[in-house]
Amino acid sequence: GRALPEDAIRFFLPMFEWINKYTGEIINLEVNLDYFNTSVSKQI
């Protein structure tokens, strides 16, 4: 989708928490963003 959160750090927090707990031998990540701003780029 489109990533323009008012607070990118707060928006990404649940993802960071999830990823910090997750361990998988194989990870398949798909990123399909039509737009993201600079603060989102840093969080990604």
All heavy atoms as atom14 arrays in JSON, in Angstrom:
{
  "sequence": "GRALPEDAIRFFLPMFEWINKYTGEIINLEVNLDYFNTSVSKQI",
  "atom14_mask": [
    [1, 1, 1, 1, 0, 0, 0, 0, 0, 0, 0, 0, 0, 0],
    [1, 1, 1, 1, 1, 1, 1, 1, 1, 1, 1, 0, 0, 0],
    [1, 1, 1, 1, 1, 0, 0, 0, 0, 0, 0, 0, 0, 0],
    [1, 1, 1, 1, 1, 1, 1, 1, 0, 0, 0, 0, 0, 0],
    [1, 1, 1, 1, 1, 1, 1, 0, 0, 0, 0, 0, 0, 0],
    [1, 1, 1, 1, 1, 1, 1, 1, 1, 0, 0, 0, 0, 0],
    [1, 1, 1, 1, 1, 1, 1, 1, 0, 0, 0, 0, 0, 0],
    [1, 1, 1, 1, 1, 0, 0, 0, 0, 0, 0, 0, 0, 0],
    [1, 1, 1, 1, 1, 1, 1, 1, 0, 0, 0, 0, 0, 0],
    [1, 1, 1, 1, 1, 1, 1, 1, 1, 1, 1, 0, 0, 0],
    [1, 1, 1, 1, 1, 1, 1, 1, 1, 1, 1, 0, 0, 0],
    [1, 1, 1, 1, 1, 1, 1, 1, 1, 1, 1, 0, 0, 0],
    [1, 1, 1, 1, 1, 1, 1, 1, 0, 0, 0, 0, 0, 0],
    [1, 1, 1, 1, 1, 1, 1, 0, 0, 0, 0, 0, 0, 0],
    [1, 1, 1, 1, 1, 1, 1, 1, 0, 0, 0, 0, 0, 0],
    [1, 1, 1, 1, 1, 1, 1, 1, 1, 1, 1, 0, 0, 0],
    [1, 1, 1, 1, 1, 1, 1, 1, 1, 0, 0, 0, 0, 0],
    [1, 1, 1, 1, 1, 1, 1, 1, 1, 1, 1, 1, 1, 1],
    [1, 1, 1, 1, 1, 1, 1, 1, 0, 0, 0, 0, 0, 0],
    [1, 1, 1, 1, 1, 1, 1, 1, 0, 0, 0, 0, 0, 0],
    [1, 1, 1, 1, 1, 1, 1, 1, 1, 0, 0, 0, 0, 0],
    [1, 1, 1, 1, 1, 1, 1, 1, 1, 1, 1, 1, 0, 0],
    [1, 1, 1, 1, 1, 1, 1, 0, 0, 0, 0, 0, 0, 0],
    [1, 1, 1, 1, 0, 0, 0, 0, 0, 0, 0, 0, 0, 0],
    [1, 1, 1, 1, 1, 1, 1, 1, 1, 0, 0, 0, 0, 0],
    [1, 1, 1, 1, 1, 1, 1, 1, 0, 0, 0, 0, 0, 0],
    [1, 1, 1, 1, 1, 1, 1, 1, 0, 0, 0, 0, 0, 0],
    [1, 1, 1, 1, 1, 1, 1, 1, 0, 0, 0, 0, 0, 0],
    [1, 1, 1, 1, 1, 1, 1, 1, 0, 0, 0, 0, 0, 0],
    [1, 1, 1, 1, 1, 1, 1, 1, 1, 0, 0, 0, 0, 0],
    [1, 1, 1, 1, 1, 1, 1, 0, 0, 0, 0, 0, 0, 0],
    [1, 1, 1, 1, 1, 1, 1, 1, 0, 0, 0, 0, 0, 0],
    [1, 1, 1, 1, 1, 1, 1, 1, 0, 0, 0, 0, 0, 0],
    [1, 1, 1, 1, 1, 1, 1, 1, 0, 0, 0, 0, 0, 0],
    [1, 1, 1, 1, 1, 1, 1, 1, 1, 1, 1, 1, 0, 0],
    [1, 1, 1, 1, 1, 1, 1, 1, 1, 1, 1, 0, 0, 0],
    [1, 1, 1, 1, 1, 1, 1, 1, 0, 0, 0, 0, 0, 0],
    [1, 1, 1, 1, 1, 1, 1, 0, 0, 0, 0, 0, 0, 0],
    [1, 1, 1, 1, 1, 1, 0, 0, 0, 0, 0, 0, 0, 0],
    [1, 1, 1, 1, 1, 1, 1, 0, 0, 0, 0, 0, 0, 0],
    [1, 1, 1, 1, 1, 1, 0, 0, 0, 0, 0, 0, 0, 0],
    [1, 1, 1, 1, 1, 1, 1, 1, 1, 0, 0, 0, 0, 0],
    [1, 1, 1, 1, 1, 1, 1, 1, 1, 0, 0, 0, 0, 0],
    [1, 1, 1, 1, 1, 1, 1, 1, 0, 0, 0, 0, 0, 0]
  ],
  "atom14_positions": [
    [[0.81, -1.22, 0.0], [0.0, 0.0, 0.0], [0.83, 1.26, 0.0], [1.91, 1.32, -0.57], [0.0, 0.0, 0.0], [0.0, 0.0, 0.0], [0.0, 0.0, 0.0], [0.0, 0.0, 0.0], [0.0, 0.0, 0.0], [0.0, 0.0, 0.0], [0.0, 0.0, 0.0], [0.0, 0.0, 0.0], [0.0, 0.0, 0.0], [0.0, 0.0, 0.0]],
    [[0.32, 2.26, 0.67], [0.94, 3.58, 0.77], [1.33, 3.8, 2.22], [0.55, 3.54, 3.12], [-0.08, 4.63, 0.33], [0.38, 6.05, 0.42], [-0.64, 6.96, -0.23], [-0.6, 6.75, -1.68], [-0.02, 7.58, -2.53], [0.53, 8.69, -2.1], [-0.01, 7.32, -3.81], [0.0, 0.0, 0.0], [0.0, 0.0, 0.0], [0.0, 0.0, 0.0]],
    [[2.56, 4.29, 2.45], [3.07, 4.44, 3.82], [3.37, 5.91, 4.12], [4.44, 6.41, 3.83], [4.31, 3.59, 4.02], [0.0, 0.0, 0.0], [0.0, 0.0, 0.0], [0.0, 0.0, 0.0], [0.0, 0.0, 0.0], [0.0, 0.0, 0.0], [0.0, 0.0, 0.0], [0.0, 0.0, 0.0], [0.0, 0.0, 0.0], [0.0, 0.0, 0.0]],
    [[2.39, 6.56, 4.73], [2.53, 7.96, 5.13], [2.03, 8.16, 6.56], [1.17, 9.01, 6.81], [1.73, 8.86, 4.19], [2.17, 8.88, 2.74], [1.12, 9.56, 1.86], [3.49, 9.59, 2.62], [0.0, 0.0, 0.0], [0.0, 0.0, 0.0], [0.0, 0.0, 0.0], [0.0, 0.0, 0.0], [0.0, 0.0, 0.0], [0.0, 0.0, 0.0]],
    [[2.56, 7.4, 7.52], [2.08, 7.56, 8.89], [2.51, 8.9, 9.49], [3.56, 9.43, 9.13], [2.73, 6.39, 9.63], [3.97, 6.12, 8.86], [3.62, 6.43, 7.42], [0.0, 0.0, 0.0], [0.0, 0.0, 0.0], [0.0, 0.0, 0.0], [0.0, 0.0, 0.0], [0.0, 0.0, 0.0], [0.0, 0.0, 0.0], [0.0, 0.0, 0.0]],
    [[1.68, 9.43, 10.38], [2.06, 10.66, 11.08], [3.28, 10.43, 11.96], [4.12, 11.3, 12.1], [0.89, 11.17, 11.92], [-0.23, 11.74, 11.07], [-1.34, 12.31, 11.93], [-1.08, 12.74, 13.08], [-2.48, 12.33, 11.45], [0.0, 0.0, 0.0], [0.0, 0.0, 0.0], [0.0, 0.0, 0.0], [0.0, 0.0, 0.0], [0.0, 0.0, 0.0]],
    [[3.35, 9.23, 12.55], [4.46, 8.87, 13.43], [4.99, 7.5, 12.98], [4.47, 6.47, 13.39], [3.97, 8.82, 14.88], [5.08, 8.54, 15.88], [6.17, 8.1, 15.48], [4.84, 8.77, 17.09], [0.0, 0.0, 0.0], [0.0, 0.0, 0.0], [0.0, 0.0, 0.0], [0.0, 0.0, 0.0], [0.0, 0.0, 0.0], [0.0, 0.0, 0.0]],
    [[6.01, 7.52, 12.14], [6.53, 6.28, 11.56], [7.09, 5.34, 12.63], [6.91, 4.13, 12.54], [7.61, 6.59, 10.52], [0.0, 0.0, 0.0], [0.0, 0.0, 0.0], [0.0, 0.0, 0.0], [0.0, 0.0, 0.0], [0.0, 0.0, 0.0], [0.0, 0.0, 0.0], [0.0, 0.0, 0.0], [0.0, 0.0, 0.0], [0.0, 0.0, 0.0]],
    [[7.73, 5.89, 13.64], [8.3, 5.05, 14.69], [7.19, 4.29, 15.41], [7.28, 3.07, 15.61], [9.13, 5.9, 15.68], [10.37, 6.45, 14.97], [9.54, 5.08, 16.9], [11.15, 7.47, 15.76], [0.0, 0.0, 0.0], [0.0, 0.0, 0.0], [0.0, 0.0, 0.0], [0.0, 0.0, 0.0], [0.0, 0.0, 0.0], [0.0, 0.0, 0.0]],
    [[6.13, 4.97, 15.76], [5.01, 4.33, 16.45], [4.33, 3.29, 15.54], [3.96, 2.21, 15.99], [4.0, 5.36, 16.94], [2.94, 4.76, 17.85], [2.04, 5.8, 18.38], [1.24, 6.29, 17.25], [0.21, 7.08, 17.35], [-0.14, 7.54, 18.53], [-0.47, 7.46, 16.3], [0.0, 0.0, 0.0], [0.0, 0.0, 0.0], [0.0, 0.0, 0.0]],
    [[4.16, 3.63, 14.27], [3.53, 2.7, 13.34], [4.34, 1.4, 13.19], [3.78, 0.31, 13.15], [3.33, 3.34, 11.96], [2.8, 2.38, 10.94], [1.49, 1.95, 10.99], [3.62, 1.89, 9.94], [1.0, 1.04, 10.07], [3.15, 0.99, 9.01], [1.82, 0.56, 9.07], [0.0, 0.0, 0.0], [0.0, 0.0, 0.0], [0.0, 0.0, 0.0]],
    [[5.66, 1.51, 13.12], [6.5, 0.34, 12.91], [6.78, -0.45, 14.18], [7.26, -1.59, 14.1], [7.83, 0.74, 12.24], [7.74, 0.81, 10.76], [7.3, 1.97, 10.13], [8.06, -0.28, 9.97], [7.2, 2.04, 8.75], [7.96, -0.23, 8.59], [7.53, 0.94, 7.97], [0.0, 0.0, 0.0], [0.0, 0.0, 0.0], [0.0, 0.0, 0.0]],
    [[6.47, 0.1, 15.34], [6.78, -0.57, 16.6], [6.23, -2.0, 16.68], [6.98, -2.92, 17.03], [6.29, 0.27, 17.78], [6.68, -0.25, 19.16], [8.2, -0.32, 19.3], [6.08, 0.64, 20.24], [0.0, 0.0, 0.0], [0.0, 0.0, 0.0], [0.0, 0.0, 0.0], [0.0, 0.0, 0.0], [0.0, 0.0, 0.0], [0.0, 0.0, 0.0]],
    [[4.96, -2.26, 16.34], [4.49, -3.66, 16.4], [5.27, -4.59, 15.47], [5.5, -5.75, 15.79], [3.03, -3.57, 15.98], [2.64, -2.15, 16.11], [3.89, -1.34, 15.98], [0.0, 0.0, 0.0], [0.0, 0.0, 0.0], [0.0, 0.0, 0.0], [0.0, 0.0, 0.0], [0.0, 0.0, 0.0], [0.0, 0.0, 0.0], [0.0, 0.0, 0.0]],
    [[5.69, -4.08, 14.32], [6.47, -4.9, 13.39], [7.85, -5.21, 13.97], [8.33, -6.33, 13.89], [6.6, -4.19, 12.04], [5.31, -4.19, 11.25], [5.41, -3.17, 9.78], [4.79, -1.62, 10.43], [0.0, 0.0, 0.0], [0.0, 0.0, 0.0], [0.0, 0.0, 0.0], [0.0, 0.0, 0.0], [0.0, 0.0, 0.0], [0.0, 0.0, 0.0]],
    [[8.48, -4.21, 14.59], [9.79, -4.43, 15.21], [9.67, -5.46, 16.33], [10.51, -6.35, 16.45], [10.35, -3.12, 15.78], [10.88, -2.17, 14.75], [10.73, -2.39, 13.4], [11.55, -1.03, 15.15], [11.23, -1.49, 12.46], [12.06, -0.13, 14.21], [11.9, -0.37, 12.87], [0.0, 0.0, 0.0], [0.0, 0.0, 0.0], [0.0, 0.0, 0.0]],
    [[8.64, -5.33, 17.16], [8.44, -6.28, 18.26], [8.25, -7.69, 17.72], [8.82, -8.65, 18.24], [7.26, -5.85, 19.12], [7.54, -4.59, 19.91], [6.3, -4.02, 20.62], [5.17, -4.47, 20.34], [6.48, -3.12, 21.45], [0.0, 0.0, 0.0], [0.0, 0.0, 0.0], [0.0, 0.0, 0.0], [0.0, 0.0, 0.0], [0.0, 0.0, 0.0]],
    [[7.44, -7.81, 16.67], [7.17, -9.12, 16.08], [8.45, -9.72, 15.5], [8.78, -10.88, 15.74], [6.09, -8.98, 15.0], [5.49, -10.27, 14.55], [4.39, -10.88, 15.04], [5.97, -11.11, 13.48], [4.14, -12.05, 14.35], [5.11, -12.21, 13.39], [7.05, -11.03, 12.6], [5.27, -13.23, 12.46], [7.23, -12.05, 11.67], [6.35, -13.14, 11.61]],
    [[9.18, -8.94, 14.73], [10.4, -9.43, 14.08], [11.47, -9.79, 15.09], [12.22, -10.75, 14.9], [10.91, -8.38, 13.06], [10.0, -8.38, 11.84], [12.34, -8.66, 12.63], [10.23, -7.24, 10.9], [0.0, 0.0, 0.0], [0.0, 0.0, 0.0], [0.0, 0.0, 0.0], [0.0, 0.0, 0.0], [0.0, 0.0, 0.0], [0.0, 0.0, 0.0]],
    [[11.55, -9.04, 16.18], [12.54, -9.36, 17.22], [12.26, -10.71, 17.87], [13.18, -11.37, 18.35], [12.58, -8.26, 18.28], [13.52, -7.14, 17.9], [14.65, -7.38, 17.49], [13.06, -5.92, 18.01], [0.0, 0.0, 0.0], [0.0, 0.0, 0.0], [0.0, 0.0, 0.0], [0.0, 0.0, 0.0], [0.0, 0.0, 0.0], [0.0, 0.0, 0.0]],
    [[11.01, -11.14, 17.89], [10.64, -12.43, 18.47], [10.68, -13.56, 17.45], [10.81, -14.72, 17.82], [9.22, -12.36, 19.05], [9.08, -11.44, 20.23], [7.64, -11.37, 20.67], [7.45, -10.3, 21.72], [6.02, -10.08, 22.02], [0.0, 0.0, 0.0], [0.0, 0.0, 0.0], [0.0, 0.0, 0.0], [0.0, 0.0, 0.0], [0.0, 0.0, 0.0]],
    [[10.56, -13.22, 16.18], [10.43, -14.24, 15.14], [11.78, -14.77, 14.68], [12.72, -14.01, 14.45], [9.7, -13.68, 13.92], [9.53, -14.73, 12.84], [8.57, -15.72, 12.99], [10.34, -14.75, 11.72], [8.42, -16.71, 12.02], [10.2, -15.73, 10.76], [9.25, -16.7, 10.92], [9.11, -17.68, 9.97], [0.0, 0.0, 0.0], [0.0, 0.0, 0.0]],
    [[11.85, -16.08, 14.54], [13.01, -16.73, 13.96], [12.5, -17.75, 12.95], [11.69, -18.59, 13.29], [13.84, -17.45, 15.04], [14.3, -16.47, 15.96], [15.02, -18.16, 14.45], [0.0, 0.0, 0.0], [0.0, 0.0, 0.0], [0.0, 0.0, 0.0], [0.0, 0.0, 0.0], [0.0, 0.0, 0.0], [0.0, 0.0, 0.0], [0.0, 0.0, 0.0]],
    [[12.98, -17.62, 11.75], [12.59, -18.57, 10.72], [13.78, -18.83, 9.83], [14.54, -17.92, 9.5], [0.0, 0.0, 0.0], [0.0, 0.0, 0.0], [0.0, 0.0, 0.0], [0.0, 0.0, 0.0], [0.0, 0.0, 0.0], [0.0, 0.0, 0.0], [0.0, 0.0, 0.0], [0.0, 0.0, 0.0], [0.0, 0.0, 0.0], [0.0, 0.0, 0.0]],
    [[13.96, -20.08, 9.46], [15.1, -20.41, 8.62], [15.0, -19.71, 7.26], [15.98, -19.23, 6.73], [15.18, -21.93, 8.43], [16.59, -22.39, 8.25], [16.71, -23.88, 8.35], [16.54, -24.41, 9.47], [16.98, -24.5, 7.31], [0.0, 0.0, 0.0], [0.0, 0.0, 0.0], [0.0, 0.0, 0.0], [0.0, 0.0, 0.0], [0.0, 0.0, 0.0]],
    [[13.78, -19.64, 6.72], [13.55, -18.99, 5.43], [12.51, -17.89, 5.63], [11.43, -18.14, 6.16], [13.07, -19.99, 4.37], [14.11, -21.07, 4.14], [12.76, -19.26, 3.06], [13.66, -22.2, 3.24], [0.0, 0.0, 0.0], [0.0, 0.0, 0.0], [0.0, 0.0, 0.0], [0.0, 0.0, 0.0], [0.0, 0.0, 0.0], [0.0, 0.0, 0.0]],
    [[12.86, -16.69, 5.2], [11.93, -15.56, 5.24], [11.7, -15.08, 3.82], [12.66, -14.81, 3.09], [12.47, -14.42, 6.13], [12.53, -14.88, 7.58], [11.62, -13.16, 5.98], [13.09, -13.87, 8.54], [0.0, 0.0, 0.0], [0.0, 0.0, 0.0], [0.0, 0.0, 0.0], [0.0, 0.0, 0.0], [0.0, 0.0, 0.0], [0.0, 0.0, 0.0]],
    [[10.44, -15.0, 3.45], [10.04, -14.46, 2.15], [9.3, -13.16, 2.42], [8.2, -13.17, 2.96], [9.14, -15.43, 1.4], [9.89, -16.65, 0.93], [10.86, -16.53, 0.21], [9.47, -17.82, 1.37], [0.0, 0.0, 0.0], [0.0, 0.0, 0.0], [0.0, 0.0, 0.0], [0.0, 0.0, 0.0], [0.0, 0.0, 0.0], [0.0, 0.0, 0.0]],
    [[9.92, -12.07, 2.04], [9.37, -10.75, 2.3], [8.97, -10.11, 0.99], [9.75, -10.09, 0.04], [10.43, -9.9, 3.0], [10.14, -8.44, 3.31], [8.93, -8.29, 4.2], [11.35, -7.82, 4.0], [0.0, 0.0, 0.0], [0.0, 0.0, 0.0], [0.0, 0.0, 0.0], [0.0, 0.0, 0.0], [0.0, 0.0, 0.0], [0.0, 0.0, 0.0]],
    [[7.73, -9.63, 0.93], [7.26, -8.92, -0.26], [6.94, -7.49, 0.13], [6.17, -7.25, 1.05], [6.01, -9.58, -0.84], [5.5, -8.88, -2.08], [4.28, -9.55, -2.68], [4.33, -10.77, -2.91], [3.28, -8.85, -2.9], [0.0, 0.0, 0.0], [0.0, 0.0, 0.0], [0.0, 0.0, 0.0], [0.0, 0.0, 0.0], [0.0, 0.0, 0.0]],
    [[7.56, -6.55, -0.57], [7.3, -5.13, -0.34], [6.68, -4.58, -1.61], [7.28, -4.61, -2.68], [8.59, -4.35, 0.01], [8.3, -2.87, 0.17], [9.22, -4.92, 1.28], [0.0, 0.0, 0.0], [0.0, 0.0, 0.0], [0.0, 0.0, 0.0], [0.0, 0.0, 0.0], [0.0, 0.0, 0.0], [0.0, 0.0, 0.0], [0.0, 0.0, 0.0]],
    [[5.45, -4.09, -1.47], [4.72, -3.54, -2.61], [4.11, -2.21, -2.16], [2.92, -2.13, -1.86], [3.64, -4.51, -3.08], [2.99, -4.07, -4.36], [3.27, -2.99, -4.88], [2.1, -4.9, -4.87], [0.0, 0.0, 0.0], [0.0, 0.0, 0.0], [0.0, 0.0, 0.0], [0.0, 0.0, 0.0], [0.0, 0.0, 0.0], [0.0, 0.0, 0.0]],
    [[4.96, -1.21, -2.09], [4.53, 0.12, -1.66], [4.49, 1.05, -2.86], [5.45, 1.11, -3.63], [5.48, 0.68, -0.59], [5.49, -0.06, 0.74], [6.63, 0.42, 1.62], [4.15, 0.1, 1.44], [0.0, 0.0, 0.0], [0.0, 0.0, 0.0], [0.0, 0.0, 0.0], [0.0, 0.0, 0.0], [0.0, 0.0, 0.0], [0.0, 0.0, 0.0]],
    [[3.39, 1.77, -3.01], [3.35, 2.71, -4.13], [3.97, 4.05, -3.75], [4.34, 4.83, -4.62], [1.94, 2.88, -4.69], [0.92, 3.33, -3.65], [1.31, 3.85, -2.6], [-0.28, 3.16, -3.91], [0.0, 0.0, 0.0], [0.0, 0.0, 0.0], [0.0, 0.0, 0.0], [0.0, 0.0, 0.0], [0.0, 0.0, 0.0], [0.0, 0.0, 0.0]],
    [[4.14, 4.27, -2.43], [4.81, 5.49, -1.97], [5.16, 5.34, -0.5], [4.39, 4.76, 0.27], [3.92, 6.73, -2.15], [4.63, 8.0, -1.74], [5.5, 8.64, -2.61], [4.46, 8.53, -0.47], [6.19, 9.77, -2.22], [5.13, 9.67, -0.08], [6.0, 10.29, -0.96], [6.68, 11.41, -0.57], [0.0, 0.0, 0.0], [0.0, 0.0, 0.0]],
    [[6.32, 5.85, -0.12], [6.66, 5.98, 1.3], [7.56, 7.19, 1.47], [8.3, 7.56, 0.56], [7.29, 4.71, 1.89], [8.55, 4.23, 1.24], [9.79, 4.68, 1.65], [8.5, 3.29, 0.23], [10.96, 4.21, 1.07], [9.65, 2.82, -0.36], [10.89, 3.28, 0.06], [0.0, 0.0, 0.0], [0.0, 0.0, 0.0], [0.0, 0.0, 0.0]],
    [[7.45, 7.81, 2.63], [8.23, 9.03, 2.88], [9.57, 8.69, 3.53], [9.88, 7.53, 3.8], [7.41, 10.04, 3.69], [6.98, 9.51, 5.03], [7.58, 8.61, 5.59], [5.9, 10.09, 5.57], [0.0, 0.0, 0.0], [0.0, 0.0, 0.0], [0.0, 0.0, 0.0], [0.0, 0.0, 0.0], [0.0, 0.0, 0.0], [0.0, 0.0, 0.0]],
    [[10.36, 9.71, 3.79], [11.71, 9.53, 4.31], [11.73, 8.86, 5.67], [12.56, 7.98, 5.93], [12.43, 10.9, 4.4], [12.37, 11.51, 3.11], [13.87, 10.75, 4.82], [0.0, 0.0, 0.0], [0.0, 0.0, 0.0], [0.0, 0.0, 0.0], [0.0, 0.0, 0.0], [0.0, 0.0, 0.0], [0.0, 0.0, 0.0], [0.0, 0.0, 0.0]],
    [[10.81, 9.23, 6.55], [10.8, 8.63, 7.88], [10.45, 7.14, 7.79], [10.99, 6.33, 8.55], [9.84, 9.37, 8.82], [8.52, 9.34, 8.33], [0.0, 0.0, 0.0], [0.0, 0.0, 0.0], [0.0, 0.0, 0.0], [0.0, 0.0, 0.0], [0.0, 0.0, 0.0], [0.0, 0.0, 0.0], [0.0, 0.0, 0.0], [0.0, 0.0, 0.0]],
    [[9.6, 6.77, 6.87], [9.26, 5.36, 6.66], [10.47, 4.62, 6.08], [10.77, 3.49, 6.48], [8.02, 5.21, 5.76], [7.84, 3.78, 5.29], [6.78, 5.71, 6.48], [0.0, 0.0, 0.0], [0.0, 0.0, 0.0], [0.0, 0.0, 0.0], [0.0, 0.0, 0.0], [0.0, 0.0, 0.0], [0.0, 0.0, 0.0], [0.0, 0.0, 0.0]],
    [[11.18, 5.26, 5.17], [12.36, 4.64, 4.58], [13.36, 4.22, 5.66], [13.92, 3.12, 5.61], [13.02, 5.62, 3.6], [14.18, 5.08, 3.06], [0.0, 0.0, 0.0], [0.0, 0.0, 0.0], [0.0, 0.0, 0.0], [0.0, 0.0, 0.0], [0.0, 0.0, 0.0], [0.0, 0.0, 0.0], [0.0, 0.0, 0.0], [0.0, 0.0, 0.0]],
    [[13.57, 5.07, 6.63], [14.48, 4.77, 7.75], [13.96, 3.6, 8.56], [14.72, 2.7, 8.94], [14.63, 6.03, 8.62], [15.28, 5.81, 9.96], [16.79, 5.69, 9.83], [17.46, 5.75, 11.18], [17.67, 4.46, 11.82], [0.0, 0.0, 0.0], [0.0, 0.0, 0.0], [0.0, 0.0, 0.0], [0.0, 0.0, 0.0], [0.0, 0.0, 0.0]],
    [[12.66, 3.56, 8.83], [12.08, 2.47, 9.61], [12.16, 1.15, 8.85], [12.43, 0.09, 9.44], [10.64, 2.8, 10.0], [10.49, 4.01, 10.9], [11.32, 3.91, 12.15], [11.25, 2.95, 12.9], [12.14, 4.93, 12.39], [0.0, 0.0, 0.0], [0.0, 0.0, 0.0], [0.0, 0.0, 0.0], [0.0, 0.0, 0.0], [0.0, 0.0, 0.0]],
    [[11.94, 1.19, 7.55], [12.05, -0.01, 6.73], [13.48, -0.56, 6.81], [13.68, -1.76, 7.02], [11.64, 0.26, 5.27], [10.13, 0.49, 5.17], [12.07, -0.88, 4.36], [9.67, 0.95, 3.8], [0.0, 0.0, 0.0], [0.0, 0.0, 0.0], [0.0, 0.0, 0.0], [0.0, 0.0, 0.0], [0.0, 0.0, 0.0], [0.0, 0.0, 0.0]]
  ]
}
